[in-house]
Every structure is written in C-alpha cells, then in structure tokens.
Amino acid sequence: MDEKKMLDDIKKILSKEAPLNSKLLEVCKYLRENVEHYDWVGFYFVDKDRKDELVLGPFDGEPTEHVRIKFGQGICGQAAVRKDVFIVQDVSKETNYLSCSPEVKSEIVVPIFKNGEIAGELDIDSHKLSPFSKKDREFLEKVAEMVGENL
C-alpha cells in the first residue's frame, strides 16, 4: 500500500466540486479497490437530531441491515462512546458485535471529528483474521481527519 499516493488521491476526491455523499462513496470504493483486506468500507454519521445514534452513510460492499446503531452497541457504537479507534482482529471473540455478514472476520472503526466532537466514523470490515496493522490505523486516522475537514 502506497500510503502517500493513496492519501493524495483521497485528498483529490474530497476536493472535487461534487455533493459530499458522492465524494464519500468514491472514497469508499477507492479504499476497497486499493487495499486487499478492506472488504466493506462505509461511513456512519451521528444523527443530527438524536445525538446518541449513528446513521449509515455512503458505503461500498454488501448491503447491511445495520442502518442505525445506538452509541454503545456493536463495534461502531463502542467506538462512538470511546471516541477512539476500535480494532477487533477476530469478531467471533467480541461479545458486543453486530454481525453484518458471516464472511466478516475483523473490523476497524475510526472516529471522524468536527470541531472536537464526534461527527461520524469510518468503518471497515475484512474477511481475513487479524489483517489490521498499526499502519492501517495511522493511515485511516489521516483519512478520517481529511473527511472531518470536509464536513
């Protein structure tokens, strides 16, 4: 993974004159196509009215029934409460896990902040066990930061 090139490409996507959702969908597709172990890539955003629930935004991968997730529920909900990256290398060992597909073996969730508050998350599922490295975390934190700057 050429992190610098990918970050430059994502920056270009986010700087396009296009609706935010279409740019975010393009980011999802880009990440999924360019990182072998990213099998589902999507964004969840904090519900503007409820503030304690995440709502599914643009994503690339199999459809999911989890279009709304309460804070604290599943990996995404736990990451929202913690306001920190949440990595699960083996979802079968996680008691508070919302299964999207039996294919999913691991997940990484990276919070997106706007003005110091959690605004959403970048959620990535993998069909491989233990694929997420420190490099993935650092790379995805930079992607989340760029997305936050565009909200």
N, C-alpha and C. Protein backbone atom coordinates (compact mmCIF):
# COMPACT_ATOMS: atom_id res chain seq x y z
N MET A 1 0.85 -1.18 0.00
CA MET A 1 0.00 0.00 0.00
C MET A 1 0.90 1.24 0.00
N ASP A 2 0.73 2.04 -1.03
CA ASP A 2 1.48 3.30 -1.12
C ASP A 2 0.64 4.37 -0.43
N GLU A 3 0.89 4.51 0.87
CA GLU A 3 0.08 5.40 1.70
C GLU A 3 0.05 6.84 1.19
N LYS A 4 1.21 7.36 0.82
CA LYS A 4 1.27 8.76 0.38
C LYS A 4 0.43 8.98 -0.88
N LYS A 5 0.57 8.08 -1.85
CA LYS A 5 -0.21 8.21 -3.09
C LYS A 5 -1.71 8.09 -2.79
N MET A 6 -2.06 7.15 -1.93
CA MET A 6 -3.48 6.97 -1.60
C MET A 6 -4.05 8.20 -0.90
N LEU A 7 -3.31 8.76 0.04
CA LEU A 7 -3.77 9.97 0.73
C LEU A 7 -3.92 11.13 -0.25
N ASP A 8 -2.97 11.25 -1.19
CA ASP A 8 -3.07 12.29 -2.22
C ASP A 8 -4.32 12.08 -3.08
N ASP A 9 -4.57 10.83 -3.47
CA ASP A 9 -5.75 10.52 -4.29
C ASP A 9 -7.03 10.84 -3.54
N ILE A 10 -7.08 10.49 -2.25
CA ILE A 10 -8.28 10.75 -1.45
C ILE A 10 -8.48 12.26 -1.28
N LYS A 11 -7.39 12.97 -1.10
CA LYS A 11 -7.47 14.44 -0.99
C LYS A 11 -8.08 15.02 -2.28
N LYS A 12 -7.67 14.48 -3.43
CA LYS A 12 -8.21 14.94 -4.72
C LYS A 12 -9.70 14.64 -4.82
N ILE A 13 -10.10 13.45 -4.38
CA ILE A 13 -11.51 13.08 -4.40
C ILE A 13 -12.32 14.06 -3.55
N LEU A 14 -11.83 14.32 -2.35
CA LEU A 14 -12.56 15.19 -1.42
C LEU A 14 -12.58 16.66 -1.85
N SER A 15 -11.66 17.05 -2.72
CA SER A 15 -11.61 18.45 -3.16
C SER A 15 -12.44 18.70 -4.42
N LYS A 16 -13.05 17.65 -4.97
CA LYS A 16 -13.88 17.80 -6.17
C LYS A 16 -15.11 18.65 -5.88
N GLU A 17 -15.61 19.29 -6.92
CA GLU A 17 -16.88 20.01 -6.83
C GLU A 17 -17.98 18.98 -7.06
N ALA A 18 -18.45 18.39 -5.97
CA ALA A 18 -19.50 17.37 -6.05
C ALA A 18 -20.16 17.29 -4.69
N PRO A 19 -21.38 16.73 -4.63
CA PRO A 19 -22.02 16.56 -3.33
C PRO A 19 -21.16 15.68 -2.41
N LEU A 20 -21.19 15.99 -1.12
CA LEU A 20 -20.36 15.27 -0.15
C LEU A 20 -20.60 13.76 -0.21
N ASN A 21 -21.85 13.33 -0.26
CA ASN A 21 -22.13 11.89 -0.28
C ASN A 21 -21.51 11.18 -1.47
N SER A 22 -21.51 11.83 -2.63
CA SER A 22 -20.90 11.18 -3.80
C SER A 22 -19.38 11.11 -3.64
N LYS A 23 -18.78 12.12 -3.03
CA LYS A 23 -17.33 12.08 -2.78
C LYS A 23 -17.00 10.98 -1.77
N LEU A 24 -17.81 10.87 -0.72
CA LEU A 24 -17.57 9.84 0.30
C LEU A 24 -17.75 8.44 -0.28
N LEU A 25 -18.72 8.26 -1.15
CA LEU A 25 -18.91 6.97 -1.82
C LEU A 25 -17.68 6.64 -2.66
N GLU A 26 -17.14 7.65 -3.34
CA GLU A 26 -15.94 7.44 -4.15
C GLU A 26 -14.75 7.04 -3.26
N VAL A 27 -14.65 7.65 -2.07
CA VAL A 27 -13.59 7.29 -1.13
C VAL A 27 -13.76 5.83 -0.70
N CYS A 28 -15.00 5.42 -0.41
CA CYS A 28 -15.26 4.02 -0.02
C CYS A 28 -14.80 3.06 -1.11
N LYS A 29 -15.20 3.35 -2.33
CA LYS A 29 -14.84 2.48 -3.46
C LYS A 29 -13.33 2.45 -3.65
N TYR A 30 -12.72 3.60 -3.56
CA TYR A 30 -11.26 3.71 -3.72
C TYR A 30 -10.54 2.84 -2.68
N LEU A 31 -10.92 2.98 -1.42
CA LEU A 31 -10.26 2.20 -0.36
C LEU A 31 -10.47 0.70 -0.57
N ARG A 32 -11.69 0.33 -0.91
CA ARG A 32 -11.99 -1.10 -1.09
C ARG A 32 -11.23 -1.68 -2.27
N GLU A 33 -11.09 -0.91 -3.33
CA GLU A 33 -10.40 -1.40 -4.53
C GLU A 33 -8.88 -1.43 -4.35
N ASN A 34 -8.36 -0.59 -3.47
CA ASN A 34 -6.90 -0.45 -3.38
C ASN A 34 -6.25 -1.10 -2.17
N VAL A 35 -7.05 -1.62 -1.25
CA VAL A 35 -6.48 -2.33 -0.10
C VAL A 35 -7.14 -3.71 -0.06
N GLU A 36 -6.33 -4.71 -0.26
CA GLU A 36 -6.83 -6.08 -0.43
C GLU A 36 -7.73 -6.55 0.71
N HIS A 37 -7.40 -6.20 1.93
CA HIS A 37 -8.17 -6.72 3.07
C HIS A 37 -9.31 -5.80 3.53
N TYR A 38 -9.65 -4.78 2.72
CA TYR A 38 -10.81 -3.94 3.03
C TYR A 38 -11.98 -4.46 2.19
N ASP A 39 -12.84 -5.28 2.80
CA ASP A 39 -13.92 -5.93 2.05
C ASP A 39 -15.25 -5.18 2.13
N TRP A 40 -15.42 -4.33 3.13
CA TRP A 40 -16.60 -3.47 3.24
C TRP A 40 -16.09 -2.16 3.83
N VAL A 41 -16.41 -1.06 3.17
CA VAL A 41 -15.95 0.25 3.62
C VAL A 41 -17.15 1.18 3.63
N GLY A 42 -17.38 1.81 4.78
CA GLY A 42 -18.53 2.71 4.85
C GLY A 42 -18.39 3.77 5.93
N PHE A 43 -19.27 4.72 5.84
CA PHE A 43 -19.33 5.81 6.81
C PHE A 43 -20.63 5.74 7.58
N TYR A 44 -20.53 6.00 8.88
CA TYR A 44 -21.69 6.22 9.73
C TYR A 44 -21.56 7.64 10.26
N PHE A 45 -22.70 8.33 10.38
CA PHE A 45 -22.68 9.69 10.91
C PHE A 45 -23.63 9.81 12.09
N VAL A 46 -23.25 10.66 13.04
CA VAL A 46 -24.09 10.89 14.21
C VAL A 46 -25.38 11.54 13.74
N ASP A 47 -26.50 10.97 14.18
CA ASP A 47 -27.82 11.51 13.86
C ASP A 47 -27.92 12.92 14.43
N LYS A 48 -28.21 13.89 13.58
CA LYS A 48 -28.23 15.30 14.00
C LYS A 48 -29.31 15.59 15.04
N ASP A 49 -30.39 14.82 15.03
CA ASP A 49 -31.48 15.04 15.98
C ASP A 49 -31.30 14.26 17.28
N ARG A 50 -30.86 13.02 17.16
CA ARG A 50 -30.82 12.14 18.34
C ARG A 50 -29.50 12.19 19.09
N LYS A 51 -28.41 12.44 18.42
CA LYS A 51 -27.07 12.60 19.01
C LYS A 51 -26.52 11.34 19.70
N ASP A 52 -27.33 10.29 19.86
CA ASP A 52 -26.85 9.08 20.50
C ASP A 52 -26.99 7.88 19.57
N GLU A 53 -27.09 8.19 18.27
CA GLU A 53 -27.27 7.15 17.29
C GLU A 53 -26.47 7.46 16.04
N LEU A 54 -25.94 6.42 15.43
CA LEU A 54 -25.22 6.54 14.18
C LEU A 54 -26.14 6.12 13.04
N VAL A 55 -26.03 6.82 11.92
CA VAL A 55 -26.85 6.53 10.75
C VAL A 55 -25.90 6.19 9.60
N LEU A 56 -26.20 5.10 8.90
CA LEU A 56 -25.37 4.66 7.78
C LEU A 56 -25.36 5.71 6.68
N GLY A 57 -24.16 6.03 6.21
CA GLY A 57 -23.98 6.93 5.08
C GLY A 57 -23.50 6.13 3.88
N PRO A 58 -22.72 6.75 3.01
CA PRO A 58 -22.21 6.05 1.84
C PRO A 58 -21.34 4.85 2.25
N PHE A 59 -21.45 3.77 1.46
CA PHE A 59 -20.63 2.59 1.71
C PHE A 59 -20.42 1.83 0.42
N ASP A 60 -19.42 0.97 0.41
CA ASP A 60 -19.16 0.10 -0.73
C ASP A 60 -18.95 -1.30 -0.19
N GLY A 61 -19.75 -2.23 -0.67
CA GLY A 61 -19.70 -3.61 -0.20
C GLY A 61 -21.11 -4.15 -0.12
N GLU A 62 -21.25 -5.31 0.51
CA GLU A 62 -22.55 -5.94 0.66
C GLU A 62 -23.49 -5.03 1.45
N PRO A 63 -24.78 -5.00 1.10
CA PRO A 63 -25.73 -4.22 1.89
C PRO A 63 -25.75 -4.71 3.34
N THR A 64 -26.05 -3.81 4.26
CA THR A 64 -26.12 -4.15 5.68
C THR A 64 -27.48 -3.77 6.24
N GLU A 65 -27.97 -4.57 7.18
CA GLU A 65 -29.23 -4.23 7.85
C GLU A 65 -29.00 -3.19 8.94
N HIS A 66 -27.73 -2.95 9.29
CA HIS A 66 -27.41 -2.02 10.37
C HIS A 66 -27.31 -0.58 9.84
N VAL A 67 -28.49 0.00 9.61
CA VAL A 67 -28.53 1.36 9.07
C VAL A 67 -28.59 2.41 10.19
N ARG A 68 -28.94 1.97 11.40
CA ARG A 68 -28.92 2.83 12.59
C ARG A 68 -28.30 2.02 13.72
N ILE A 69 -27.34 2.62 14.42
CA ILE A 69 -26.66 1.94 15.52
C ILE A 69 -26.61 2.89 16.71
N LYS A 70 -27.13 2.45 17.83
CA LYS A 70 -27.08 3.26 19.05
C LYS A 70 -25.66 3.31 19.60
N PHE A 71 -25.29 4.43 20.19
CA PHE A 71 -23.99 4.54 20.85
C PHE A 71 -23.89 3.41 21.87
N GLY A 72 -22.74 2.75 21.89
CA GLY A 72 -22.51 1.65 22.82
C GLY A 72 -22.81 0.29 22.22
N GLN A 73 -23.56 0.25 21.13
CA GLN A 73 -23.97 -1.01 20.52
C GLN A 73 -23.00 -1.42 19.41
N GLY A 74 -22.49 -2.65 19.49
CA GLY A 74 -21.58 -3.13 18.46
C GLY A 74 -20.25 -2.39 18.48
N ILE A 75 -19.42 -2.68 17.51
CA ILE A 75 -18.09 -2.06 17.43
C ILE A 75 -18.23 -0.57 17.13
N CYS A 76 -19.10 -0.23 16.17
CA CYS A 76 -19.29 1.18 15.81
C CYS A 76 -19.80 1.99 17.00
N GLY A 77 -20.79 1.45 17.68
CA GLY A 77 -21.36 2.16 18.83
C GLY A 77 -20.37 2.32 19.97
N GLN A 78 -19.52 1.29 20.17
CA GLN A 78 -18.49 1.38 21.21
C GLN A 78 -17.44 2.43 20.85
N ALA A 79 -17.05 2.48 19.59
CA ALA A 79 -16.07 3.47 19.15
C ALA A 79 -16.63 4.88 19.32
N ALA A 80 -17.94 5.05 19.10
CA ALA A 80 -18.56 6.36 19.26
C ALA A 80 -18.52 6.81 20.72
N VAL A 81 -18.76 5.88 21.64
CA VAL A 81 -18.72 6.21 23.07
C VAL A 81 -17.29 6.53 23.50
N ARG A 82 -16.36 5.70 23.07
CA ARG A 82 -14.94 5.88 23.44
C ARG A 82 -14.28 7.07 22.76
N LYS A 83 -14.84 7.45 21.59
CA LYS A 83 -14.23 8.49 20.75
C LYS A 83 -12.80 8.13 20.41
N ASP A 84 -12.61 6.85 20.10
CA ASP A 84 -11.28 6.35 19.79
C ASP A 84 -11.40 5.22 18.77
N VAL A 85 -10.28 4.93 18.12
CA VAL A 85 -10.22 3.83 17.16
C VAL A 85 -10.51 2.53 17.89
N PHE A 86 -11.28 1.67 17.25
CA PHE A 86 -11.63 0.38 17.82
C PHE A 86 -11.24 -0.67 16.77
N ILE A 87 -10.32 -1.56 17.14
CA ILE A 87 -9.89 -2.62 16.23
C ILE A 87 -10.24 -3.96 16.85
N VAL A 88 -10.93 -4.78 16.09
CA VAL A 88 -11.24 -6.14 16.51
C VAL A 88 -10.66 -7.08 15.45
N GLN A 89 -9.61 -7.80 15.83
CA GLN A 89 -8.93 -8.68 14.87
C GLN A 89 -9.69 -9.99 14.65
N ASP A 90 -10.59 -10.35 15.58
CA ASP A 90 -11.39 -11.57 15.45
C ASP A 90 -12.76 -11.29 16.06
N VAL A 91 -13.73 -10.99 15.20
CA VAL A 91 -15.05 -10.59 15.68
C VAL A 91 -15.76 -11.72 16.43
N SER A 92 -15.36 -12.96 16.21
CA SER A 92 -16.02 -14.08 16.89
C SER A 92 -15.73 -14.06 18.40
N LYS A 93 -14.70 -13.32 18.81
CA LYS A 93 -14.35 -13.24 20.22
C LYS A 93 -14.96 -12.01 20.91
N GLU A 94 -15.70 -11.21 20.15
CA GLU A 94 -16.29 -9.97 20.68
C GLU A 94 -17.74 -10.23 21.07
N THR A 95 -18.08 -9.96 22.32
CA THR A 95 -19.45 -10.23 22.78
C THR A 95 -20.44 -9.18 22.28
N ASN A 96 -20.02 -7.93 22.15
CA ASN A 96 -20.91 -6.85 21.71
C ASN A 96 -20.61 -6.55 20.24
N TYR A 97 -20.93 -7.51 19.37
CA TYR A 97 -20.64 -7.37 17.95
C TYR A 97 -21.93 -7.50 17.15
N LEU A 98 -22.16 -6.58 16.22
CA LEU A 98 -23.31 -6.66 15.32
C LEU A 98 -22.83 -7.26 14.00
N SER A 99 -23.22 -8.48 13.73
CA SER A 99 -22.75 -9.17 12.53
C SER A 99 -23.46 -8.64 11.29
N CYS A 100 -22.67 -8.24 10.31
CA CYS A 100 -23.22 -7.79 9.04
C CYS A 100 -23.27 -8.95 8.04
N SER A 101 -22.32 -9.86 8.19
CA SER A 101 -22.20 -10.98 7.27
C SER A 101 -21.34 -12.05 7.93
N PRO A 102 -21.64 -13.32 7.69
CA PRO A 102 -20.80 -14.39 8.25
C PRO A 102 -19.38 -14.38 7.69
N GLU A 103 -19.19 -13.67 6.58
CA GLU A 103 -17.87 -13.56 5.95
C GLU A 103 -16.91 -12.68 6.76
N VAL A 104 -17.47 -11.74 7.52
CA VAL A 104 -16.65 -10.77 8.24
C VAL A 104 -15.92 -11.45 9.39
N LYS A 105 -14.59 -11.27 9.41
CA LYS A 105 -13.75 -11.86 10.45
C LYS A 105 -13.15 -10.80 11.37
N SER A 106 -13.01 -9.56 10.86
CA SER A 106 -12.39 -8.50 11.64
C SER A 106 -12.94 -7.14 11.21
N GLU A 107 -12.71 -6.14 12.08
CA GLU A 107 -13.28 -4.82 11.82
C GLU A 107 -12.41 -3.74 12.46
N ILE A 108 -12.34 -2.61 11.78
CA ILE A 108 -11.69 -1.42 12.35
C ILE A 108 -12.66 -0.25 12.18
N VAL A 109 -12.81 0.53 13.24
CA VAL A 109 -13.69 1.70 13.21
C VAL A 109 -12.87 2.90 13.67
N VAL A 110 -12.88 3.95 12.85
CA VAL A 110 -12.09 5.14 13.12
C VAL A 110 -13.03 6.34 13.24
N PRO A 111 -13.05 7.01 14.39
CA PRO A 111 -13.94 8.16 14.56
C PRO A 111 -13.55 9.33 13.66
N ILE A 112 -14.57 10.08 13.28
CA ILE A 112 -14.39 11.30 12.50
C ILE A 112 -14.87 12.45 13.39
N PHE A 113 -14.01 13.44 13.56
CA PHE A 113 -14.33 14.57 14.43
C PHE A 113 -14.55 15.84 13.62
N LYS A 114 -15.46 16.67 14.13
CA LYS A 114 -15.67 18.02 13.59
C LYS A 114 -15.78 18.94 14.79
N ASN A 115 -14.94 19.94 14.82
CA ASN A 115 -14.91 20.89 15.95
C ASN A 115 -14.77 20.19 17.30
N GLY A 116 -13.95 19.15 17.33
CA GLY A 116 -13.66 18.44 18.57
C GLY A 116 -14.73 17.45 19.02
N GLU A 117 -15.83 17.38 18.29
CA GLU A 117 -16.92 16.46 18.63
C GLU A 117 -16.97 15.32 17.62
N ILE A 118 -17.41 14.14 18.08
CA ILE A 118 -17.54 13.03 17.15
C ILE A 118 -18.69 13.32 16.19
N ALA A 119 -18.39 13.24 14.89
CA ALA A 119 -19.39 13.53 13.86
C ALA A 119 -19.77 12.27 13.09
N GLY A 120 -18.88 11.28 13.14
CA GLY A 120 -19.13 10.05 12.40
C GLY A 120 -17.98 9.08 12.55
N GLU A 121 -18.01 8.07 11.69
CA GLU A 121 -16.98 7.04 11.73
C GLU A 121 -16.73 6.47 10.35
N LEU A 122 -15.51 6.03 10.17
CA LEU A 122 -15.14 5.23 9.01
C LEU A 122 -15.07 3.79 9.51
N ASP A 123 -15.86 2.93 8.91
CA ASP A 123 -15.97 1.54 9.35
C ASP A 123 -15.49 0.63 8.23
N ILE A 124 -14.58 -0.29 8.57
CA ILE A 124 -14.06 -1.22 7.57
C ILE A 124 -14.12 -2.64 8.12
N ASP A 125 -14.72 -3.53 7.32
CA ASP A 125 -14.78 -4.96 7.65
C ASP A 125 -13.82 -5.70 6.74
N SER A 126 -13.26 -6.78 7.28
CA SER A 126 -12.38 -7.63 6.48
C SER A 126 -12.83 -9.08 6.61
N HIS A 127 -12.64 -9.83 5.54
CA HIS A 127 -12.94 -11.26 5.55
C HIS A 127 -11.74 -12.08 6.00
N LYS A 128 -10.69 -11.39 6.45
CA LYS A 128 -9.48 -12.05 6.95
C LYS A 128 -9.37 -11.85 8.46
N LEU A 129 -8.75 -12.78 9.14
CA LEU A 129 -8.48 -12.65 10.57
C LEU A 129 -7.22 -11.80 10.76
N SER A 130 -7.24 -10.92 11.71
CA SER A 130 -6.08 -10.11 12.12
C SER A 130 -5.35 -9.40 10.98
N PRO A 131 -6.07 -8.71 10.10
CA PRO A 131 -5.38 -8.05 8.99
C PRO A 131 -4.93 -6.62 9.30
N PHE A 132 -5.49 -6.02 10.36
CA PHE A 132 -5.28 -4.59 10.58
C PHE A 132 -4.02 -4.34 11.40
N SER A 133 -3.14 -3.54 10.81
CA SER A 133 -1.85 -3.22 11.44
C SER A 133 -1.86 -1.78 11.97
N LYS A 134 -0.78 -1.44 12.63
CA LYS A 134 -0.59 -0.06 13.10
C LYS A 134 -0.61 0.89 11.90
N LYS A 135 -0.07 0.42 10.77
CA LYS A 135 -0.04 1.22 9.55
C LYS A 135 -1.47 1.50 9.05
N ASP A 136 -2.34 0.49 9.10
CA ASP A 136 -3.75 0.70 8.72
C ASP A 136 -4.36 1.77 9.61
N ARG A 137 -4.15 1.63 10.92
CA ARG A 137 -4.73 2.57 11.87
C ARG A 137 -4.28 4.00 11.57
N GLU A 138 -2.98 4.19 11.42
CA GLU A 138 -2.45 5.54 11.17
C GLU A 138 -2.96 6.10 9.85
N PHE A 139 -3.00 5.26 8.82
CA PHE A 139 -3.48 5.67 7.51
C PHE A 139 -4.96 6.08 7.59
N LEU A 140 -5.78 5.25 8.22
CA LEU A 140 -7.22 5.52 8.30
C LEU A 140 -7.52 6.71 9.20
N GLU A 141 -6.70 6.95 10.21
CA GLU A 141 -6.88 8.16 11.03
C GLU A 141 -6.66 9.40 10.19
N LYS A 142 -5.70 9.35 9.26
CA LYS A 142 -5.46 10.50 8.37
C LYS A 142 -6.64 10.68 7.41
N VAL A 143 -7.19 9.57 6.91
CA VAL A 143 -8.35 9.64 6.03
C VAL A 143 -9.53 10.26 6.79
N ALA A 144 -9.77 9.79 8.02
CA ALA A 144 -10.87 10.31 8.84
C ALA A 144 -10.70 11.80 9.12
N GLU A 145 -9.47 12.20 9.35
CA GLU A 145 -9.19 13.62 9.60
C GLU A 145 -9.53 14.46 8.36
N MET A 146 -9.15 13.96 7.17
CA MET A 146 -9.46 14.68 5.94
C MET A 146 -10.98 14.75 5.72
N VAL A 147 -11.68 13.67 6.01
CA VAL A 147 -13.13 13.68 5.85
C VAL A 147 -13.74 14.69 6.84
N GLY A 148 -13.28 14.69 8.07
CA GLY A 148 -13.78 15.64 9.08
C GLY A 148 -13.62 17.08 8.65
N GLU A 149 -12.53 17.38 7.97
CA GLU A 149 -12.28 18.74 7.48
C GLU A 149 -13.26 19.13 6.37
N ASN A 150 -13.88 18.13 5.75
CA ASN A 150 -14.81 18.38 4.64
C ASN A 150 -16.28 18.33 5.06
N LEU A 151 -16.54 18.09 6.33
CA LEU A 151 -17.94 18.01 6.79
C LEU A 151 -18.50 19.41 7.01
